[in-house]
């Protein structure tokens, strides 16, 4: 009888993870390393990327510092990659501003980081033929794309645009058996919300409105990302999976 790998094994897979310097990106990196993937981690902060590297299980893991808003830097980073079996687009920023106070600069910044950067990175990966047949591409979006809240308009719009892009990409890449899916979390305890200016007491109170009585942890999202990267989800593409502790 031939030995079998664990059902969610990522052994033999090269995985690129953006935003790997902290939060969800770091948690995804840690879990993927435990599942025996070889990781290529990118983000703007080299020191924090190296911190992530120190937390990973043994394996071939490389940090590739890169400003994803700089197209030339992205092209150079992609050129250094081998063929990739999976991508998890985690990089992003939060933003809260009432609609009547929005500025052009705020809109440009949020859309550049949350939407344009992952799209242009994905474009470069395809142009340089770095995506292998049968690969899995995962975008971390947000339930904010359909669940409005006051002051969250541009963040919500950026994530909604990302989901729409991913839906089209899934059709274009299906002939190559490349799968494209989105994860849409509700509130997750990361720097994105704790540094957003929201009052911690208000966040703790809102947390109790969730049916499971808590916000998510980065590890909660990492588990779903690993499922989507694994061959277990091989018949899944064009999906946007809500993970929200029961929140709408």
Protein backbone atom coordinates (compact mmCIF):
# COMPACT_ATOMS: atom_id res chain seq x y z
CA UNK A 1 0.00 0.00 0.00
CA UNK A 2 1.42 3.39 -1.02
CA UNK A 3 1.93 5.95 1.76
CA UNK A 4 -0.50 8.86 1.65
CA UNK A 5 0.04 12.50 2.49
CA UNK A 6 -2.18 14.29 5.01
CA UNK A 7 -5.35 15.47 3.30
CA UNK A 8 -4.40 19.16 3.46
CA UNK A 9 -0.72 18.67 2.65
CA UNK A 10 0.95 21.39 0.60
CA UNK A 11 4.13 19.35 0.13
CA UNK A 12 5.85 20.07 -3.16
CA UNK A 13 4.02 23.38 -3.64
CA UNK A 14 5.62 26.80 -4.01
CA UNK A 15 3.35 29.41 -2.40
CA UNK A 16 3.65 33.19 -2.73
CA UNK A 17 2.09 35.16 0.14
CA UNK A 18 1.74 38.94 0.17
CA UNK A 19 1.36 40.95 3.35
CA UNK A 20 3.34 38.22 5.10
CA UNK A 21 4.92 40.61 7.60
CA UNK A 22 2.00 40.36 10.01
CA UNK A 23 -1.67 39.66 10.66
CA UNK A 24 -3.46 37.26 8.34
CA UNK A 25 -0.47 37.03 5.99
CA UNK A 26 1.81 35.87 8.79
CA UNK A 27 -0.73 33.33 10.05
CA UNK A 28 -1.19 31.94 6.52
CA UNK A 29 2.60 31.66 6.19
CA UNK A 30 2.93 29.82 9.47
CA UNK A 31 0.24 27.28 8.64
CA UNK A 32 1.46 26.71 5.09
CA UNK A 33 4.96 26.02 6.42
CA UNK A 34 3.53 23.40 8.80
CA UNK A 35 1.84 21.81 5.77
CA UNK A 36 5.25 21.52 4.09
CA UNK A 37 4.94 24.20 1.40
CA UNK A 38 7.96 26.16 0.18
CA UNK A 39 7.13 29.81 0.81
CA UNK A 40 7.98 33.09 -0.89
CA UNK A 41 6.97 35.92 1.43
CA UNK A 42 6.61 39.52 0.35
CA UNK A 43 5.79 42.80 2.00
CA UNK A 44 7.26 46.28 2.41
CA UNK A 45 8.84 45.85 5.85
CA UNK A 46 11.98 43.69 5.55
CA UNK A 47 12.48 43.44 9.31
CA UNK A 48 8.97 42.18 9.93
CA UNK A 49 9.24 39.77 7.00
CA UNK A 50 12.37 38.33 8.57
CA UNK A 51 10.49 38.05 11.87
CA UNK A 52 7.87 35.97 10.08
CA UNK A 53 10.62 33.73 8.69
CA UNK A 54 11.82 32.95 12.23
CA UNK A 55 8.34 31.65 13.16
CA UNK A 56 8.03 29.16 10.29
CA UNK A 57 8.49 25.42 10.35
CA UNK A 58 11.63 24.14 8.68
CA UNK A 59 11.69 24.26 4.90
CA UNK A 60 12.74 26.33 1.91
CA UNK A 61 11.32 29.77 2.70
CA UNK A 62 12.49 33.08 1.22
CA UNK A 63 11.62 36.69 2.11
CA UNK A 64 11.30 39.04 -0.86
CA UNK A 65 10.78 42.62 0.36
CA UNK A 66 8.83 44.59 -2.22
CA UNK A 67 6.63 47.67 -2.47
CA UNK A 68 3.65 46.23 -4.32
CA UNK A 69 2.59 49.70 -5.45
CA UNK A 70 5.83 50.02 -7.45
CA UNK A 71 5.29 48.16 -10.72
CA UNK A 72 9.00 47.99 -11.54
CA UNK A 73 9.80 46.48 -8.14
CA UNK A 74 6.98 43.98 -8.60
CA UNK A 75 8.34 42.94 -12.00
CA UNK A 76 11.82 42.41 -10.53
CA UNK A 77 10.45 40.40 -7.61
CA UNK A 78 8.36 38.17 -9.89
CA UNK A 79 11.37 37.53 -12.14
CA UNK A 80 13.16 35.98 -9.14
CA UNK A 81 10.39 33.44 -8.52
CA UNK A 82 10.22 29.84 -9.67
CA UNK A 83 6.97 28.38 -10.99
CA UNK A 84 4.30 29.07 -8.38
CA UNK A 85 1.57 26.62 -7.33
CA UNK A 86 -0.35 29.00 -5.11
CA UNK A 87 -0.76 32.70 -4.33
CA UNK A 88 -2.44 34.28 -1.32
CA UNK A 89 -3.03 38.01 -1.74
CA UNK A 90 -3.20 39.27 1.87
CA UNK A 91 -1.65 42.75 1.63
CA UNK A 92 -4.03 45.61 2.31
CA UNK A 93 -4.86 48.60 4.47
CA UNK A 94 -7.91 49.74 6.38
CA UNK A 95 -9.50 53.16 6.03
CA UNK A 96 -12.36 54.99 7.70
CA UNK A 97 -13.70 58.33 6.62
CA UNK A 98 -17.21 59.71 6.25
CA UNK A 99 -18.24 60.03 2.61
CA UNK A 100 -18.62 63.80 2.78
CA UNK A 101 -15.00 64.20 3.89
CA UNK A 102 -13.29 61.86 1.40
CA UNK A 103 -10.38 63.24 -0.55
CA UNK A 104 -8.98 62.18 -3.91
CA UNK A 105 -5.69 61.28 -2.20
CA UNK A 106 -7.42 58.93 0.25
CA UNK A 107 -9.28 57.17 -2.55
CA UNK A 108 -6.10 56.77 -4.60
CA UNK A 109 -4.14 55.35 -1.66
CA UNK A 110 -6.73 52.76 -0.63
CA UNK A 111 -7.49 51.63 -4.18
CA UNK A 112 -3.78 51.48 -5.05
CA UNK A 113 -2.96 49.14 -2.15
CA UNK A 114 -6.16 47.10 -1.81
CA UNK A 115 -7.07 46.73 -5.49
CA UNK A 116 -4.49 47.89 -8.01
CA UNK A 117 -1.50 46.26 -6.32
CA UNK A 118 -2.86 42.68 -6.19
CA UNK A 119 -4.22 43.03 -9.72
CA UNK A 120 -0.92 44.24 -11.15
CA UNK A 121 1.04 41.61 -9.22
CA UNK A 122 -1.25 38.94 -10.62
CA UNK A 123 -0.84 40.43 -14.11
CA UNK A 124 2.94 40.25 -13.78
CA UNK A 125 2.81 36.65 -12.55
CA UNK A 126 0.80 35.71 -15.62
CA UNK A 127 2.90 37.73 -18.07
CA UNK A 128 6.10 36.13 -16.77
CA UNK A 129 4.44 32.69 -16.84
CA UNK A 130 5.07 32.02 -13.18
CA UNK A 131 1.68 30.40 -12.46
CA UNK A 132 1.70 26.62 -12.87
CA UNK A 133 -1.12 24.57 -14.35
CA UNK A 134 -3.51 23.56 -11.58
CA UNK A 135 -2.42 26.40 -9.28
CA UNK A 136 -4.69 28.05 -6.73
CA UNK A 137 -5.00 31.82 -6.32
CA UNK A 138 -6.63 33.24 -3.20
CA UNK A 139 -7.62 36.86 -2.59
CA UNK A 140 -8.41 38.05 0.94
CA UNK A 141 -11.38 40.37 0.52
CA UNK A 142 -13.92 41.31 3.21
CA UNK A 143 -17.61 41.06 4.05
CA UNK A 144 -17.42 44.87 3.86
CA UNK A 145 -17.89 44.47 0.09
CA UNK A 146 -21.59 43.77 0.71
CA UNK A 147 -22.09 44.67 4.39
CA UNK A 148 -21.93 48.47 4.72
CA UNK A 149 -20.82 50.38 7.78
CA UNK A 150 -20.51 54.11 8.41
CA UNK A 151 -17.15 55.53 7.33
CA UNK A 152 -16.08 52.38 5.49
CA UNK A 153 -17.04 53.31 1.94
CA UNK A 154 -13.67 53.28 0.16
CA UNK A 155 -12.38 50.19 1.95
CA UNK A 156 -15.64 48.44 1.07
CA UNK A 157 -15.39 49.59 -2.54
CA UNK A 158 -11.79 48.38 -2.85
CA UNK A 159 -12.72 44.91 -1.62
CA UNK A 160 -15.80 44.77 -3.83
CA UNK A 161 -13.66 45.62 -6.84
CA UNK A 162 -11.23 42.86 -5.87
CA UNK A 163 -14.01 40.26 -5.76
CA UNK A 164 -15.32 41.36 -9.16
CA UNK A 165 -11.83 41.10 -10.63
CA UNK A 166 -11.31 37.65 -9.12
CA UNK A 167 -14.59 36.42 -10.64
CA UNK A 168 -13.41 37.39 -14.12
CA UNK A 169 -9.93 36.00 -13.52
CA UNK A 170 -11.41 32.64 -12.52
CA UNK A 171 -13.07 32.34 -15.94
CA UNK A 172 -9.96 33.36 -17.85
CA UNK A 173 -7.71 30.89 -16.03
CA UNK A 174 -10.12 27.94 -15.89
CA UNK A 175 -8.84 26.45 -19.19
CA UNK A 176 -5.45 26.02 -17.46
CA UNK A 177 -7.12 24.44 -14.42
CA UNK A 178 -5.98 27.41 -12.33
CA UNK A 179 -8.49 28.12 -9.58
CA UNK A 180 -9.31 31.59 -8.24
CA UNK A 181 -11.26 32.16 -5.04
CA UNK A 182 -11.86 34.89 -2.47
CA UNK A 183 -12.06 34.79 1.30
CA UNK A 184 -14.29 37.42 2.89
CA UNK A 185 -13.71 37.71 6.64
CA UNK A 186 -15.69 39.78 9.07
CA UNK A 187 -13.71 41.60 11.77
CA UNK A 188 -10.39 39.91 12.60
CA UNK A 189 -8.10 40.98 15.44
CA UNK A 190 -5.15 42.40 13.50
CA UNK A 191 -3.32 45.72 13.33
CA UNK A 192 -5.73 46.68 10.55
CA UNK A 193 -8.53 47.25 13.07
CA UNK A 194 -6.55 48.02 16.24
CA UNK A 195 -4.72 50.88 14.51
CA UNK A 196 -7.74 52.16 12.60
CA UNK A 197 -8.76 54.70 15.24
CA UNK A 198 -11.77 52.68 16.37
CA UNK A 199 -12.34 52.66 20.11
CA UNK A 200 -11.22 49.37 21.68
CA UNK A 201 -14.18 49.32 24.08
CA UNK A 202 -16.58 49.75 21.15
CA UNK A 203 -14.85 46.91 19.32
CA UNK A 204 -15.16 44.63 22.34
CA UNK A 205 -18.85 45.51 22.61
CA UNK A 206 -19.45 44.89 18.91
CA UNK A 207 -17.64 41.56 19.19
CA UNK A 208 -20.40 40.32 21.47
CA UNK A 209 -22.98 40.91 18.72
CA UNK A 210 -21.43 38.08 16.69
CA UNK A 211 -23.29 34.78 17.08
CA UNK A 212 -20.03 33.06 18.11
CA UNK A 213 -19.31 35.95 20.51
CA UNK A 214 -15.90 36.86 19.17
CA UNK A 215 -14.06 38.42 16.26
CA UNK A 216 -11.86 36.20 14.17
CA UNK A 217 -8.21 35.45 14.73
CA UNK A 218 -5.68 35.40 11.87
CA UNK A 219 -5.37 31.64 12.38
CA UNK A 220 -9.07 31.24 11.57
CA UNK A 221 -8.52 32.73 8.13
CA UNK A 222 -5.30 30.77 7.59
CA UNK A 223 -7.17 27.49 7.85
CA UNK A 224 -9.54 28.45 5.06
CA UNK A 225 -6.66 29.70 2.91
CA UNK A 226 -4.86 26.37 3.34
CA UNK A 227 -8.00 24.52 2.26
CA UNK A 228 -8.27 26.63 -0.89
CA UNK A 229 -4.58 26.13 -1.67
CA UNK A 230 -4.78 22.38 -1.22
CA UNK A 231 -5.90 19.81 -3.76
CA UNK A 232 -8.91 19.04 -1.56
CA UNK A 233 -10.63 22.11 -3.08
CA UNK A 234 -9.76 21.15 -6.68
CA UNK A 235 -13.38 21.61 -7.90
CA UNK A 236 -13.73 25.07 -6.36
CA UNK A 237 -13.23 28.26 -8.34
CA UNK A 238 -15.00 31.59 -8.70
CA UNK A 239 -16.18 31.41 -5.08
CA UNK A 240 -16.24 34.10 -2.42
CA UNK A 241 -16.30 32.39 0.97
CA UNK A 242 -17.69 34.28 3.96
CA UNK A 243 -15.94 33.51 7.25
CA UNK A 244 -17.54 35.63 9.92
CA UNK A 245 -18.41 33.90 13.16
CA UNK A 246 -22.02 34.10 12.00
CA UNK A 247 -22.03 37.88 11.38
CA UNK A 248 -23.72 39.14 8.23
